[in-house]
Amino acid sequence: MAEDNRINQKVALQILKRLGYQADIANNGIEVLAKLQQQRYDVVLMDIQMPEMDGLETTRRISWEYPTPLQPYIIAMTANAMEGDREACLAAGMQDYLSKPIRIQALTHALQQYQSWWEERE
């Protein structure tokens, strides 16, 4: 999970834990790229507004640096949802979009979409 706000990190980690998932934290896009070099991740919950490297630029870099079969499923997370944000996230290479505060139902649905996406790729 790419998120720079400590409170949002804690809330999201609790939700993921309740759903049976485990997550690592990256505080910005640079940390996301470093973590992806260390290990493969199936899903990245990507905050859009982060210091040093935002979620859109990070996603573009992932798309450029990793062949499609090795790219994680990227779910945008943003607190300042404005018209056109969803389209910008999808254009950058993200597969899904959630607005904050994250709702359990919405996150569950996004993770289920990942399952469908993964099955289609096989």
Protein backbone atom coordinates (compact mmCIF):
# COMPACT_ATOMS: atom_id res chain seq x y z
CA MET A 1 0.00 0.00 0.00
CA ALA A 2 1.37 3.37 -1.06
CA GLU A 3 0.13 5.94 1.46
CA ASP A 4 1.97 8.78 3.17
CA ASN A 5 -0.61 9.55 5.90
CA ARG A 6 -0.05 7.48 9.07
CA ILE A 7 -3.72 7.49 10.09
CA ASN A 8 -4.82 6.34 6.63
CA GLN A 9 -2.16 3.64 6.76
CA LYS A 10 -3.48 2.30 10.07
CA VAL A 11 -7.11 2.37 8.95
CA ALA A 12 -6.37 0.65 5.65
CA LEU A 13 -4.16 -1.98 7.30
CA GLN A 14 -6.96 -2.79 9.76
CA ILE A 15 -9.49 -3.13 6.95
CA LEU A 16 -7.17 -5.34 4.94
CA LYS A 17 -6.43 -7.48 7.99
CA ARG A 18 -10.18 -7.93 8.63
CA LEU A 19 -10.53 -9.07 5.02
CA GLY A 20 -7.69 -11.57 5.45
CA TYR A 21 -4.97 -9.70 3.55
CA GLN A 22 -1.47 -8.68 4.53
CA ALA A 23 0.12 -5.46 3.28
CA ASP A 24 3.43 -3.67 3.26
CA ILE A 25 3.61 0.13 3.48
CA ALA A 26 5.38 2.52 1.15
CA ASN A 27 5.30 6.21 2.07
CA ASN A 28 5.79 7.50 -1.48
CA GLY A 29 6.28 6.40 -5.06
CA ILE A 30 10.03 6.03 -4.74
CA GLU A 31 9.51 3.50 -1.93
CA VAL A 32 6.93 1.65 -4.07
CA LEU A 33 9.43 1.23 -6.89
CA ALA A 34 12.11 0.05 -4.45
CA LYS A 35 9.75 -2.52 -2.92
CA LEU A 36 8.75 -3.81 -6.36
CA GLN A 37 12.43 -4.43 -7.10
CA GLN A 38 12.70 -6.53 -3.93
CA GLN A 39 9.60 -8.66 -4.40
CA ARG A 40 6.55 -9.18 -6.57
CA TYR A 41 3.21 -7.77 -5.40
CA ASP A 42 -0.16 -8.83 -6.75
CA VAL A 43 -1.97 -5.60 -5.84
CA VAL A 44 -0.86 -2.07 -5.04
CA LEU A 45 -3.24 0.34 -3.32
CA MET A 46 -1.84 3.60 -4.69
CA ASP A 47 -2.45 6.97 -3.08
CA ILE A 48 -2.49 9.67 -5.72
CA GLN A 49 -1.04 12.57 -3.74
CA MET A 50 2.26 11.63 -2.11
CA PRO A 51 5.52 13.51 -1.58
CA GLU A 52 8.59 12.92 -3.76
CA MET A 53 6.71 10.91 -6.43
CA ASP A 54 2.94 10.87 -6.75
CA GLY A 55 0.79 7.86 -7.57
CA LEU A 56 0.25 8.77 -11.22
CA GLU A 57 3.99 9.08 -11.96
CA THR A 58 4.71 5.92 -9.96
CA THR A 59 2.13 3.99 -11.97
CA ARG A 60 3.55 5.27 -15.26
CA ARG A 61 7.03 4.16 -14.18
CA ILE A 62 5.72 0.69 -13.25
CA SER A 63 4.07 0.43 -16.68
CA TRP A 64 7.33 1.41 -18.40
CA GLU A 65 9.70 -0.67 -16.30
CA TYR A 66 7.80 -3.96 -15.95
CA PRO A 67 6.43 -6.18 -18.68
CA THR A 68 2.65 -6.58 -18.50
CA PRO A 69 2.67 -10.05 -16.90
CA LEU A 70 4.81 -8.74 -14.02
CA GLN A 71 2.83 -5.56 -13.35
CA PRO A 72 0.71 -5.51 -10.20
CA TYR A 73 -2.99 -4.66 -10.25
CA ILE A 74 -3.02 -1.01 -9.19
CA ILE A 75 -5.98 0.46 -7.34
CA ALA A 76 -5.98 4.24 -7.04
CA MET A 77 -6.92 5.78 -3.70
CA THR A 78 -7.64 9.48 -3.47
CA ALA A 79 -9.24 11.80 -0.94
CA ASN A 80 -9.76 14.70 -3.32
CA ALA A 81 -11.93 12.99 -5.90
CA MET A 82 -12.62 15.44 -8.68
CA GLU A 83 -14.15 15.07 -12.11
CA GLY A 84 -11.60 13.53 -14.42
CA ASP A 85 -9.50 11.93 -11.64
CA ARG A 86 -10.72 8.41 -12.40
CA GLU A 87 -9.91 8.84 -16.09
CA ALA A 88 -6.45 10.23 -15.29
CA CYS A 89 -5.73 7.23 -13.04
CA LEU A 90 -6.85 4.72 -15.65
CA ALA A 91 -4.87 6.54 -18.36
CA ALA A 92 -1.75 6.31 -16.18
CA GLY A 93 -2.15 2.52 -16.08
CA MET A 94 -4.20 1.87 -12.96
CA GLN A 95 -6.90 -0.78 -13.15
CA ASP A 96 -9.34 0.52 -10.53
CA TYR A 97 -10.17 3.61 -8.47
CA LEU A 98 -11.38 4.16 -4.90
CA SER A 99 -12.16 7.42 -3.15
CA LYS A 100 -11.23 8.00 0.49
CA PRO A 101 -12.29 7.35 3.09
CA ILE A 102 -12.02 3.75 1.98
CA ARG A 103 -15.20 1.79 2.51
CA ILE A 104 -14.94 -1.94 3.18
CA GLN A 105 -17.51 -2.75 0.50
CA ALA A 106 -15.71 -0.72 -2.15
CA LEU A 107 -12.34 -2.23 -1.28
CA THR A 108 -13.80 -5.73 -1.29
CA HIS A 109 -15.30 -5.09 -4.72
CA ALA A 110 -11.96 -3.76 -6.06
CA LEU A 111 -10.11 -6.81 -4.75
CA GLN A 112 -12.72 -9.09 -6.35
CA GLN A 113 -12.14 -7.25 -9.63
CA TYR A 114 -8.46 -8.13 -9.25
CA GLN A 115 -9.39 -11.82 -9.07
CA SER A 116 -11.35 -11.54 -12.34
CA TRP A 117 -8.54 -9.55 -13.98
CA TRP A 118 -5.96 -12.15 -12.93
CA GLU A 119 -8.05 -15.07 -14.23
CA GLU A 120 -8.43 -13.33 -17.61
CA ARG A 121 -4.65 -12.92 -17.90
CA GLU A 122 -3.92 -16.62 -17.41
